[in-house]
Amino acid sequence: MSNYTHTWSVVVLGATGHVVRVEAKRARSLPGFTVIGLPDSALREASHRVGAAISSGALPFPSGHLTVNLAPASLKKAGTGFDLAIAVAAIATASAKCRNIARECVSR
């Protein structure tokens, strides 16, 4: 079973929207949550918001360490607008059923 998946989001810079690939990988190690790919401070705190939202729902939070990469890294990502895409990708790392659906989603 794969513990990697991706979904899509959009970052708006000026009047232009840029597609961002939200990649999530779950590793069997100590629990943790890391967001990489040039996130601002609000986006780095997504781990707390997303973790609380998933845990309060009917789905279990994926076990182990979750690393979320926002690609391309050259674009600055800011704010809480990526939380939904991060949550979808996180859930999909633990569920094969959700994985195929997540790869076709774009959220903002």
PDB file of N, CA and C in Angstrom:
ATOM      1  N   MET A   1       0.840  -1.184   0.000  1.00  0.00           N
ATOM      2  CA  MET A   1       0.000   0.000   0.000  1.00  0.00           C
ATOM      3  C   MET A   1       0.885   1.247   0.000  1.00  0.00           C
ATOM      4  N   SER A   2       0.575   2.172  -0.873  1.00  0.00           N
ATOM      5  CA  SER A   2       1.349   3.400  -0.988  1.00  0.00           C
ATOM      6  C   SER A   2       1.003   4.354   0.144  1.00  0.00           C
ATOM      7  N   ASN A   3       1.994   5.037   0.665  1.00  0.00           N
ATOM      8  CA  ASN A   3       1.755   6.035   1.697  1.00  0.00           C
ATOM      9  C   ASN A   3       2.065   7.436   1.165  1.00  0.00           C
ATOM     10  N   TYR A   4       2.006   7.596  -0.147  1.00  0.00           N
ATOM     11  CA  TYR A   4       2.233   8.874  -0.810  1.00  0.00           C
ATOM     12  C   TYR A   4       1.019   9.198  -1.672  1.00  0.00           C
ATOM     13  N   THR A   5       0.643  10.457  -1.687  1.00  0.00           N
ATOM     14  CA  THR A   5      -0.399  10.908  -2.600  1.00  0.00           C
ATOM     15  C   THR A   5      -0.225  12.401  -2.848  1.00  0.00           C
ATOM     16  N   HIS A   6      -1.020  12.928  -3.745  1.00  0.00           N
ATOM     17  CA  HIS A   6      -0.997  14.366  -3.996  1.00  0.00           C
ATOM     18  C   HIS A   6      -2.396  14.838  -4.365  1.00  0.00           C
ATOM     19  N   THR A   7      -2.591  16.116  -4.204  1.00  0.00           N
ATOM     20  CA  THR A   7      -3.798  16.798  -4.651  1.00  0.00           C
ATOM     21  C   THR A   7      -3.350  18.173  -5.132  1.00  0.00           C
ATOM     22  N   TRP A   8      -4.280  19.036  -5.441  1.00  0.00           N
ATOM     23  CA  TRP A   8      -3.937  20.319  -6.065  1.00  0.00           C
ATOM     24  C   TRP A   8      -4.578  21.478  -5.321  1.00  0.00           C
ATOM     25  N   SER A   9      -3.936  22.635  -5.367  1.00  0.00           N
ATOM     26  CA  SER A   9      -4.485  23.878  -4.854  1.00  0.00           C
ATOM     27  C   SER A   9      -4.003  25.000  -5.768  1.00  0.00           C
ATOM     28  N   VAL A  10      -4.356  26.215  -5.425  1.00  0.00           N
ATOM     29  CA  VAL A  10      -3.992  27.370  -6.244  1.00  0.00           C
ATOM     30  C   VAL A  10      -3.490  28.475  -5.326  1.00  0.00           C
ATOM     31  N   VAL A  11      -2.419  29.139  -5.740  1.00  0.00           N
ATOM     32  CA  VAL A  11      -1.942  30.330  -5.047  1.00  0.00           C
ATOM     33  C   VAL A  11      -2.114  31.499  -6.012  1.00  0.00           C
ATOM     34  N   VAL A  12      -2.618  32.608  -5.487  1.00  0.00           N
ATOM     35  CA  VAL A  12      -2.828  33.797  -6.308  1.00  0.00           C
ATOM     36  C   VAL A  12      -1.741  34.810  -5.967  1.00  0.00           C
ATOM     37  N   LEU A  13      -0.983  35.202  -6.984  1.00  0.00           N
ATOM     38  CA  LEU A  13       0.053  36.213  -6.830  1.00  0.00           C
ATOM     39  C   LEU A  13      -0.281  37.347  -7.783  1.00  0.00           C
ATOM     40  N   GLY A  14      -0.670  38.478  -7.221  1.00  0.00           N
ATOM     41  CA  GLY A  14      -1.140  39.588  -8.054  1.00  0.00           C
ATOM     42  C   GLY A  14      -2.467  39.218  -8.671  1.00  0.00           C
ATOM     43  N   ALA A  15      -2.550  39.254  -9.972  1.00  0.00           N
ATOM     44  CA  ALA A  15      -3.781  38.885 -10.665  1.00  0.00           C
ATOM     45  C   ALA A  15      -3.673  37.521 -11.333  1.00  0.00           C
ATOM     46  N   THR A  16      -2.617  36.790 -11.004  1.00  0.00           N
ATOM     47  CA  THR A  16      -2.372  35.513 -11.660  1.00  0.00           C
ATOM     48  C   THR A  16      -2.483  34.361 -10.674  1.00  0.00           C
ATOM     49  N   GLY A  17      -3.193  33.317 -11.070  1.00  0.00           N
ATOM     50  CA  GLY A  17      -3.288  32.111 -10.261  1.00  0.00           C
ATOM     51  C   GLY A  17      -2.269  31.088 -10.724  1.00  0.00           C
ATOM     52  N   HIS A  18      -1.641  30.419  -9.772  1.00  0.00           N
ATOM     53  CA  HIS A  18      -0.650  29.393 -10.075  1.00  0.00           C
ATOM     54  C   HIS A  18      -1.076  28.088  -9.405  1.00  0.00           C
ATOM     55  N   VAL A  19      -1.050  27.001 -10.152  1.00  0.00           N
ATOM     56  CA  VAL A  19      -1.412  25.695  -9.602  1.00  0.00           C
ATOM     57  C   VAL A  19      -0.282  25.193  -8.704  1.00  0.00           C
ATOM     58  N   VAL A  20      -0.668  24.683  -7.528  1.00  0.00           N
ATOM     59  CA  VAL A  20       0.290  24.154  -6.566  1.00  0.00           C
ATOM     60  C   VAL A  20      -0.036  22.683  -6.327  1.00  0.00           C
ATOM     61  N   ARG A  21       0.953  21.850  -6.430  1.00  0.00           N
ATOM     62  CA  ARG A  21       0.788  20.420  -6.152  1.00  0.00           C
ATOM     63  C   ARG A  21       1.040  20.214  -4.665  1.00  0.00           C
ATOM     64  N   VAL A  22       0.052  19.674  -3.972  1.00  0.00           N
ATOM     65  CA  VAL A  22       0.152  19.413  -2.537  1.00  0.00           C
ATOM     66  C   VAL A  22       0.445  17.916  -2.387  1.00  0.00           C
ATOM     67  N   GLU A  23       1.694  17.605  -2.061  1.00  0.00           N
ATOM     68  CA  GLU A  23       2.140  16.216  -1.949  1.00  0.00           C
ATOM     69  C   GLU A  23       2.222  15.833  -0.481  1.00  0.00           C
ATOM     70  N   ALA A  24       1.747  14.643  -0.146  1.00  0.00           N
ATOM     71  CA  ALA A  24       1.816  14.175   1.236  1.00  0.00           C
ATOM     72  C   ALA A  24       2.431  12.780   1.269  1.00  0.00           C
ATOM     73  N   LYS A  25       3.329  12.588   2.227  1.00  0.00           N
ATOM     74  CA  LYS A  25       3.990  11.283   2.404  1.00  0.00           C
ATOM     75  C   LYS A  25       3.957  10.941   3.875  1.00  0.00           C
ATOM     76  N   ARG A  26       3.481   9.748   4.164  1.00  0.00           N
ATOM     77  CA  ARG A  26       3.414   9.267   5.542  1.00  0.00           C
ATOM     78  C   ARG A  26       4.551   8.282   5.749  1.00  0.00           C
ATOM     79  N   ALA A  27       5.341   8.503   6.801  1.00  0.00           N
ATOM     80  CA  ALA A  27       6.458   7.614   7.134  1.00  0.00           C
ATOM     81  C   ALA A  27       6.165   6.913   8.458  1.00  0.00           C
ATOM     82  N   ARG A  28       6.571   5.683   8.532  1.00  0.00           N
ATOM     83  CA  ARG A  28       6.391   4.919   9.771  1.00  0.00           C
ATOM     84  C   ARG A  28       7.529   5.291  10.721  1.00  0.00           C
ATOM     85  N   SER A  29       7.318   6.326  11.486  1.00  0.00           N
ATOM     86  CA  SER A  29       8.316   6.789  12.437  1.00  0.00           C
ATOM     87  C   SER A  29       7.590   7.524  13.560  1.00  0.00           C
ATOM     88  N   LEU A  30       8.322   8.290  14.333  1.00  0.00           N
ATOM     89  CA  LEU A  30       7.704   9.050  15.414  1.00  0.00           C
ATOM     90  C   LEU A  30       6.654  10.004  14.850  1.00  0.00           C
ATOM     91  N   PRO A  31       5.549  10.194  15.552  1.00  0.00           N
ATOM     92  CA  PRO A  31       4.493  11.088  15.060  1.00  0.00           C
ATOM     93  C   PRO A  31       5.013  12.513  14.853  1.00  0.00           C
ATOM     94  N   GLY A  32       4.562  13.128  13.799  1.00  0.00           N
ATOM     95  CA  GLY A  32       4.942  14.502  13.498  1.00  0.00           C
ATOM     96  C   GLY A  32       4.242  14.971  12.246  1.00  0.00           C
ATOM     97  N   PHE A  33       4.379  16.255  11.970  1.00  0.00           N
ATOM     98  CA  PHE A  33       3.705  16.857  10.820  1.00  0.00           C
ATOM     99  C   PHE A  33       4.569  18.014  10.372  1.00  0.00           C
ATOM    100  N   THR A  34       5.071  17.965   9.145  1.00  0.00           N
ATOM    101  CA  THR A  34       5.953  18.996   8.616  1.00  0.00           C
ATOM    102  C   THR A  34       5.406  19.502   7.292  1.00  0.00           C
ATOM    103  N   VAL A  35       5.393  20.833   7.128  1.00  0.00           N
ATOM    104  CA  VAL A  35       4.994  21.458   5.867  1.00  0.00           C
ATOM    105  C   VAL A  35       6.229  22.131   5.282  1.00  0.00           C
ATOM    106  N   ILE A  36       6.570  21.771   4.022  1.00  0.00           N
ATOM    107  CA  ILE A  36       7.733  22.354   3.359  1.00  0.00           C
ATOM    108  C   ILE A  36       7.311  22.928   2.005  1.00  0.00           C
ATOM    109  N   GLY A  37       8.163  23.737   1.403  1.00  0.00           N
ATOM    110  CA  GLY A  37       7.870  24.312   0.094  1.00  0.00           C
ATOM    111  C   GLY A  37       7.597  25.802   0.150  1.00  0.00           C
ATOM    112  N   LEU A  38       8.351  26.538   0.939  1.00  0.00           N
ATOM    113  CA  LEU A  38       8.253  27.987   1.096  1.00  0.00           C
ATOM    114  C   LEU A  38       6.921  28.448   1.708  1.00  0.00           C
ATOM    115  N   PRO A  39       6.497  27.832   2.833  1.00  0.00           N
ATOM    116  CA  PRO A  39       5.277  28.292   3.500  1.00  0.00           C
ATOM    117  C   PRO A  39       5.568  29.493   4.403  1.00  0.00           C
ATOM    118  N   ASP A  40       4.559  30.348   4.589  1.00  0.00           N
ATOM    119  CA  ASP A  40       4.714  31.433   5.560  1.00  0.00           C
ATOM    120  C   ASP A  40       4.377  30.891   6.956  1.00  0.00           C
ATOM    121  N   SER A  41       4.426  31.745   7.985  1.00  0.00           N
ATOM    122  CA  SER A  41       4.216  31.272   9.357  1.00  0.00           C
ATOM    123  C   SER A  41       2.800  30.751   9.577  1.00  0.00           C
ATOM    124  N   ALA A  42       1.796  31.363   8.968  1.00  0.00           N
ATOM    125  CA  ALA A  42       0.423  30.876   9.123  1.00  0.00           C
ATOM    126  C   ALA A  42       0.263  29.500   8.484  1.00  0.00           C
ATOM    127  N   LEU A  43       0.911  29.280   7.379  1.00  0.00           N
ATOM    128  CA  LEU A  43       0.826  27.992   6.693  1.00  0.00           C
ATOM    129  C   LEU A  43       1.594  26.906   7.436  1.00  0.00           C
ATOM    130  N   ARG A  44       2.685  27.279   8.107  1.00  0.00           N
ATOM    131  CA  ARG A  44       3.420  26.298   8.912  1.00  0.00           C
ATOM    132  C   ARG A  44       2.571  25.797  10.078  1.00  0.00           C
ATOM    133  N   GLU A  45       1.624  26.610  10.537  1.00  0.00           N
ATOM    134  CA  GLU A  45       0.730  26.204  11.625  1.00  0.00           C
ATOM    135  C   GLU A  45      -0.428  25.338  11.135  1.00  0.00           C
ATOM    136  N   ALA A  46      -0.490  25.056   9.847  1.00  0.00           N
ATOM    137  CA  ALA A  46      -1.556  24.220   9.294  1.00  0.00           C
ATOM    138  C   ALA A  46      -1.588  22.858   9.964  1.00  0.00           C
ATOM    139  N   SER A  47      -0.450  22.379  10.416  1.00  0.00           N
ATOM    140  CA  SER A  47      -0.418  21.059  11.058  1.00  0.00           C
ATOM    141  C   SER A  47      -1.369  21.007  12.246  1.00  0.00           C
ATOM    142  N   HIS A  48      -1.447  22.081  13.021  1.00  0.00           N
ATOM    143  CA  HIS A  48      -2.339  22.116  14.191  1.00  0.00           C
ATOM    144  C   HIS A  48      -3.803  22.190  13.757  1.00  0.00           C
ATOM    145  N   ARG A  49      -4.106  23.053  12.790  1.00  0.00           N
ATOM    146  CA  ARG A  49      -5.492  23.195  12.337  1.00  0.00           C
ATOM    147  C   ARG A  49      -5.987  21.937  11.642  1.00  0.00           C
ATOM    148  N   VAL A  50      -5.185  21.401  10.743  1.00  0.00           N
ATOM    149  CA  VAL A  50      -5.577  20.207   9.983  1.00  0.00           C
ATOM    150  C   VAL A  50      -5.683  19.003  10.910  1.00  0.00           C
ATOM    151  N   GLY A  51      -4.731  18.847  11.801  1.00  0.00           N
ATOM    152  CA  GLY A  51      -4.776  17.729  12.748  1.00  0.00           C
ATOM    153  C   GLY A  51      -6.025  17.765  13.619  1.00  0.00           C
ATOM    154  N   ALA A  52      -6.374  18.945  14.113  1.00  0.00           N
ATOM    155  CA  ALA A  52      -7.577  19.081  14.940  1.00  0.00           C
ATOM    156  C   ALA A  52      -8.840  18.812  14.135  1.00  0.00           C
ATOM    157  N   ALA A  53      -8.889  19.289  12.902  1.00  0.00           N
ATOM    158  CA  ALA A  53     -10.078  19.091  12.066  1.00  0.00           C
ATOM    159  C   ALA A  53     -10.277  17.614  11.727  1.00  0.00           C
ATOM    160  N   ILE A  54      -9.212  16.929  11.353  1.00  0.00           N
ATOM    161  CA  ILE A  54      -9.326  15.513  11.011  1.00  0.00           C
ATOM    162  C   ILE A  54      -9.692  14.698  12.245  1.00  0.00           C
ATOM    163  N   SER A  55      -9.047  14.979  13.371  1.00  0.00           N
ATOM    164  CA  SER A  55      -9.302  14.227  14.599  1.00  0.00           C
ATOM    165  C   SER A  55     -10.724  14.417  15.119  1.00  0.00           C
ATOM    166  N   SER A  56     -11.310  15.584  14.874  1.00  0.00           N
ATOM    167  CA  SER A  56     -12.663  15.824  15.365  1.00  0.00           C
ATOM    168  C   SER A  56     -13.726  15.239  14.438  1.00  0.00           C
ATOM    169  N   GLY A  57     -13.318  14.789  13.270  1.00  0.00           N
ATOM    170  CA  GLY A  57     -14.242  14.165  12.326  1.00  0.00           C
ATOM    171  C   GLY A  57     -14.286  12.657  12.523  1.00  0.00           C
ATOM    172  N   ALA A  58     -14.878  11.970  11.583  1.00  0.00           N
ATOM    173  CA  ALA A  58     -15.040  10.522  11.675  1.00  0.00           C
ATOM    174  C   ALA A  58     -13.805   9.758  11.201  1.00  0.00           C
ATOM    175  N   LEU A  59     -12.850  10.442  10.613  1.00  0.00           N
ATOM    176  CA  LEU A  59     -11.673   9.768  10.060  1.00  0.00           C
ATOM    177  C   LEU A  59     -10.489   9.881  11.015  1.00  0.00           C
ATOM    178  N   PRO A  60      -9.693   8.819  11.141  1.00  0.00           N
ATOM    179  CA  PRO A  60      -8.515   8.886  12.009  1.00  0.00           C
ATOM    180  C   PRO A  60      -7.385   9.657  11.335  1.00  0.00           C
ATOM    181  N   PHE A  61      -6.622  10.369  12.135  1.00  0.00           N
ATOM    182  CA  PHE A  61      -5.453  11.063  11.614  1.00  0.00           C
ATOM    183  C   PHE A  61      -4.399  10.015  11.282  1.00  0.00           C
ATOM    184  N   PRO A  62      -3.738  10.121  10.130  1.00  0.00           N
ATOM    185  CA  PRO A  62      -2.737   9.114   9.748  1.00  0.00           C
ATOM    186  C   PRO A  62      -1.643   8.986  10.806  1.00  0.00           C
ATOM    187  N   SER A  63      -1.263   7.743  11.097  1.00  0.00           N
ATOM    188  CA  SER A  63      -0.217   7.511  12.095  1.00  0.00           C
ATOM    189  C   SER A  63       1.156   7.753  11.480  1.00  0.00           C
ATOM    190  N   GLY A  64       2.134   7.984  12.328  1.00  0.00           N
ATOM    191  CA  GLY A  64       3.503   8.214  11.869  1.00  0.00           C
ATOM    192  C   GLY A  64       3.767   9.679  11.586  1.00  0.00           C
ATOM    193  N   HIS A  65       4.812   9.919  10.826  1.00  0.00           N
ATOM    194  CA  HIS A  65       5.207  11.290  10.487  1.00  0.00           C
ATOM    195  C   HIS A  65       4.668  11.643   9.096  1.00  0.00           C
ATOM    196  N   LEU A  66       3.988  12.767   9.008  1.00  0.00           N
ATOM    197  CA  LEU A  66       3.423  13.225   7.747  1.00  0.00           C
ATOM    198  C   LEU A  66       4.226  14.429   7.258  1.00  0.00           C
ATOM    199  N   THR A  67       4.751  14.327   6.044  1.00  0.00           N
ATOM    200  CA  THR A  67       5.460  15.439   5.416  1.00  0.00           C
ATOM    201  C   THR A  67       4.624  15.909   4.237  1.00  0.00           C
ATOM    202  N   VAL A  68       4.324  17.207   4.211  1.00  0.00           N
ATOM    203  CA  VAL A  68       3.544  17.809   3.133  1.00  0.00           C
ATOM    204  C   VAL A  68       4.450  18.775   2.387  1.00  0.00           C
ATOM    205  N   ASN A  69       4.563  18.569   1.080  1.00  0.00           N
ATOM    206  CA  ASN A  69       5.373  19.435   0.230  1.00  0.00           C
ATOM    207  C   ASN A  69       4.444  20.233  -0.676  1.00  0.00           C
ATOM    208  N   LEU A  70       4.661  21.526  -0.747  1.00  0.00           N
ATOM    209  CA  LEU A  70       3.892  22.411  -1.621  1.00  0.00           C
ATOM    210  C   LEU A  70       4.794  22.804  -2.784  1.00  0.00           C
ATOM    211  N   ALA A  71       4.498  22.254  -3.961  1.00  0.00           N
ATOM    212  CA  ALA A  71       5.367  22.452  -5.122  1.00  0.00           C
ATOM    213  C   ALA A  71       4.652  23.277  -6.188  1.00  0.00           C
ATOM    214  N   PRO A  72       5.322  24.171  -6.852  1.00  0.00           N
ATOM    215  CA  PRO A  72       6.762  24.391  -6.844  1.00  0.00           C
ATOM    216  C   PRO A  72       7.198  25.231  -5.646  1.00  0.00           C
ATOM    217  N   ALA A  73       8.393  24.937  -5.168  1.00  0.00           N
ATOM    218  CA  ALA A  73       8.914  25.625  -3.990  1.00  0.00           C
ATOM    219  C   ALA A  73       9.264  27.086  -4.277  1.00  0.00           C
ATOM    220  N   SER A  74       9.372  27.451  -5.531  1.00  0.00           N
ATOM    221  CA  SER A  74       9.752  28.828  -5.879  1.00  0.00           C
ATOM    222  C   SER A  74       8.626  29.832  -5.636  1.00  0.00           C
ATOM    223  N   LEU A  75       7.382  29.367  -5.510  1.00  0.00           N
ATOM    224  CA  LEU A  75       6.254  30.266  -5.249  1.00  0.00           C
ATOM    225  C   LEU A  75       6.037  30.410  -3.754  1.00  0.00           C
ATOM    226  N   LYS A  76       5.890  31.648  -3.273  1.00  0.00           N
ATOM    227  CA  LYS A  76       5.602  31.874  -1.864  1.00  0.00           C
ATOM    228  C   LYS A  76       4.147  31.508  -1.602  1.00  0.00           C
ATOM    229  N   LYS A  77       3.925  30.682  -0.576  1.00  0.00           N
ATOM    230  CA  LYS A  77       2.574  30.292  -0.188  1.00  0.00           C
ATOM    231  C   LYS A  77       2.246  30.927   1.146  1.00  0.00           C
ATOM    232  N   ALA A  78       1.036  31.494   1.267  1.00  0.00           N
ATOM    233  CA  ALA A  78       0.674  32.217   2.475  1.00  0.00           C
ATOM    234  C   ALA A  78      -0.771  31.921   2.869  1.00  0.00           C
ATOM    235  N   GLY A  79      -1.032  32.019   4.168  1.00  0.00           N
ATOM    236  CA  GLY A  79      -2.394  31.956   4.674  1.00  0.00           C
ATOM    237  C   GLY A  79      -2.917  30.555   4.923  1.00  0.00           C
ATOM    238  N   THR A  80      -4.215  30.510   5.206  1.00  0.00           N
ATOM    239  CA  THR A  80      -4.864  29.255   5.571  1.00  0.00           C
ATOM    240  C   THR A  80      -5.591  28.604   4.404  1.00  0.00           C
ATOM    241  N   GLY A  81      -5.464  29.142   3.221  1.00  0.00           N
ATOM    242  CA  GLY A  81      -6.184  28.632   2.062  1.00  0.00           C
ATOM    243  C   GLY A  81      -5.763  27.246   1.603  1.00  0.00           C
ATOM    244  N   PHE A  82      -4.641  26.738   2.091  1.00  0.00           N
ATOM    245  CA  PHE A  82      -4.177  25.406   1.700  1.00  0.00           C
ATOM    246  C   PHE A  82      -4.644  24.319   2.664  1.00  0.00           C
ATOM    247  N   ASP A  83      -5.325  24.689   3.745  1.00  0.00           N
ATOM    248  CA  ASP A  83      -5.698  23.718   4.776  1.00  0.00           C
ATOM    249  C   ASP A  83      -6.543  22.573   4.228  1.00  0.00           C
ATOM    250  N   LEU A  84      -7.512  22.859   3.381  1.00  0.00           N
ATOM    251  CA  LEU A  84      -8.366  21.804   2.840  1.00  0.00           C
ATOM    252  C   LEU A  84      -7.564  20.840   1.982  1.00  0.00           C
ATOM    253  N   ALA A  85      -6.721  21.353   1.104  1.00  0.00           N
ATOM    254  CA  ALA A  85      -5.902  20.489   0.251  1.00  0.00           C
ATOM    255  C   ALA A  85      -4.947  19.645   1.096  1.00  0.00           C
ATOM    256  N   ILE A  86      -4.380  20.230   2.142  1.00  0.00           N
ATOM    257  CA  ILE A  86      -3.485  19.478   3.028  1.00  0.00           C
ATOM    258  C   ILE A  86      -4.261  18.386   3.750  1.00  0.00           C
ATOM    259  N   ALA A  87      -5.460  18.688   4.222  1.00  0.00           N
ATOM    260  CA  ALA A  87      -6.280  17.691   4.915  1.00  0.00           C
ATOM    261  C   ALA A  87      -6.657  16.540   3.980  1.00  0.00           C
ATOM    262  N   VAL A  88      -7.060  16.863   2.754  1.00  0.00           N
ATOM    263  CA  VAL A  88      -7.421  15.818   1.780  1.00  0.00           C
ATOM    264  C   VAL A  88      -6.224  14.925   1.498  1.00  0.00           C
ATOM    265  N   ALA A  89      -5.069  15.521   1.290  1.00  0.00           N
ATOM    266  CA  ALA A  89      -3.859  14.734   1.020  1.00  0.00           C
ATOM    267  C   ALA A  89      -3.479  13.880   2.227  1.00  0.00           C
ATOM    268  N   ALA A  90      -3.605  14.433   3.430  1.00  0.00           N
ATOM    269  CA  ALA A  90      -3.263  13.685   4.648  1.00  0.00           C
ATOM    270  C   ALA A  90      -4.165  12.472   4.808  1.00  0.00           C
ATOM    271  N   ILE A  91      -5.459  12.661   4.632  1.00  0.00           N
ATOM    272  CA  ILE A  91      -6.404  11.544   4.753  1.00  0.00           C
ATOM    273  C   ILE A  91      -6.131  10.497   3.686  1.00  0.00           C
ATOM    274  N   ALA A  92      -5.816  10.932   2.493  1.00  0.00           N
ATOM    275  CA  ALA A  92      -5.591  10.004   1.385  1.00  0.00           C
ATOM    276  C   ALA A  92      -4.349   9.140   1.573  1.00  0.00           C
ATOM    277  N   THR A  93      -3.380   9.578   2.382  1.00  0.00           N
ATOM    278  CA  THR A  93      -2.201   8.737   2.616  1.00  0.00           C
ATOM    279  C   THR A  93      -2.560   7.482   3.387  1.00  0.00           C
ATOM    280  N   ALA A  94      -3.661   7.508   4.108  1.00  0.00           N
ATOM    281  CA  ALA A  94      -4.071   6.354   4.917  1.00  0.00           C
ATOM    282  C   ALA A  94      -5.214   5.570   4.289  1.00  0.00           C
ATOM    283  N   SER A  95      -5.747   6.025   3.170  1.00  0.00           N
ATOM    284  CA  SER A  95      -6.919   5.381   2.580  1.00  0.00           C
ATOM    285  C   SER A  95      -6.758   5.240   1.072  1.00  0.00           C
ATOM    286  N   ALA A  96      -6.691   4.006   0.611  1.00  0.00           N
ATOM    287  CA  ALA A  96      -6.559   3.768  -0.830  1.00  0.00           C
ATOM    288  C   ALA A  96      -7.796   4.258  -1.581  1.00  0.00           C
ATOM    289  N   LYS A  97      -8.947   4.183  -0.953  1.00  0.00           N
ATOM    290  CA  LYS A  97     -10.189   4.629  -1.584  1.00  0.00           C
ATOM    291  C   LYS A  97     -10.156   6.139  -1.852  1.00  0.00           C
ATOM    292  N   CYS A  98      -9.616   6.892  -0.914  1.00  0.00           N
ATOM    293  CA  CYS A  98      -9.555   8.350  -1.055  1.00  0.00           C
ATOM    294  C   CYS A  98      -8.429   8.804  -1.981  1.00  0.00           C
ATOM    295  N   ARG A  99      -7.407   7.962  -2.137  1.00  0.00           N
ATOM    296  CA  ARG A  99      -6.212   8.374  -2.885  1.00  0.00           C
ATOM    297  C   ARG A  99      -6.524   8.772  -4.322  1.00  0.00           C
ATOM    298  N   ASN A 100      -7.299   7.975  -5.031  1.00  0.00           N
ATOM    299  CA  ASN A 100      -7.614   8.290  -6.429  1.00  0.00           C
ATOM    300  C   ASN A 100      -8.478   9.530  -6.542  1.00  0.00           C
ATOM    301  N   ILE A 101      -9.391   9.725  -5.615  1.00  0.00           N
ATOM    302  CA  ILE A 101     -10.245  10.915  -5.616  1.00  0.00           C
ATOM    303  C   ILE A 101      -9.408  12.163  -5.350  1.00  0.00           C
ATOM    304  N   ALA A 102      -8.484  12.080  -4.396  1.00  0.00           N
ATOM    305  CA  ALA A 102      -7.674  13.230  -4.036  1.00  0.00           C
ATOM    306  C   ALA A 102      -6.833  13.739  -5.198  1.00  0.00           C
ATOM    307  N   ARG A 103      -6.358  12.841  -6.031  1.00  0.00           N
ATOM    308  CA  ARG A 103      -5.487  13.242  -7.142  1.00  0.00           C
ATOM    309  C   ARG A 103      -6.218  14.051  -8.209  1.00  0.00           C
ATOM    310  N   GLU A 104      -7.539  14.022  -8.175  1.00  0.00           N
ATOM    311  CA  GLU A 104      -8.329  14.757  -9.160  1.00  0.00           C
ATOM    312  C   GLU A 104      -8.928  16.036  -8.597  1.00  0.00           C
ATOM    313  N   CYS A 105      -8.687  16.341  -7.329  1.00  0.00           N
ATOM    314  CA  CYS A 105      -9.293  17.511  -6.675  1.00  0.00           C
ATOM    315  C   CYS A 105      -8.400  18.741  -6.762  1.00  0.00           C
ATOM    316  N   VAL A 106      -9.030  19.888  -6.905  1.00  0.00           N
ATOM    317  CA  VAL A 106      -8.352  21.172  -6.778  1.00  0.00           C
ATOM    318  C   VAL A 106      -9.141  21.969  -5.753  1.00  0.00           C
ATOM    319  N   SER A 107      -8.478  22.463  -4.727  1.00  0.00           N
ATOM    320  CA  SER A 107      -9.185  23.213  -3.694  1.00  0.00           C
ATOM    321  C   SER A 107      -8.468  24.521  -3.403  1.00  0.00           C
ATOM    322  N   ARG A 108      -9.238  25.505  -3.067  1.00  0.00           N
ATOM    323  CA  ARG A 108      -8.703  26.810  -2.656  1.00  0.00           C
ATOM    324  C   ARG A 108      -9.730  27.510  -1.829  1.00  0.00           C
TER     325      ARG A 108
END
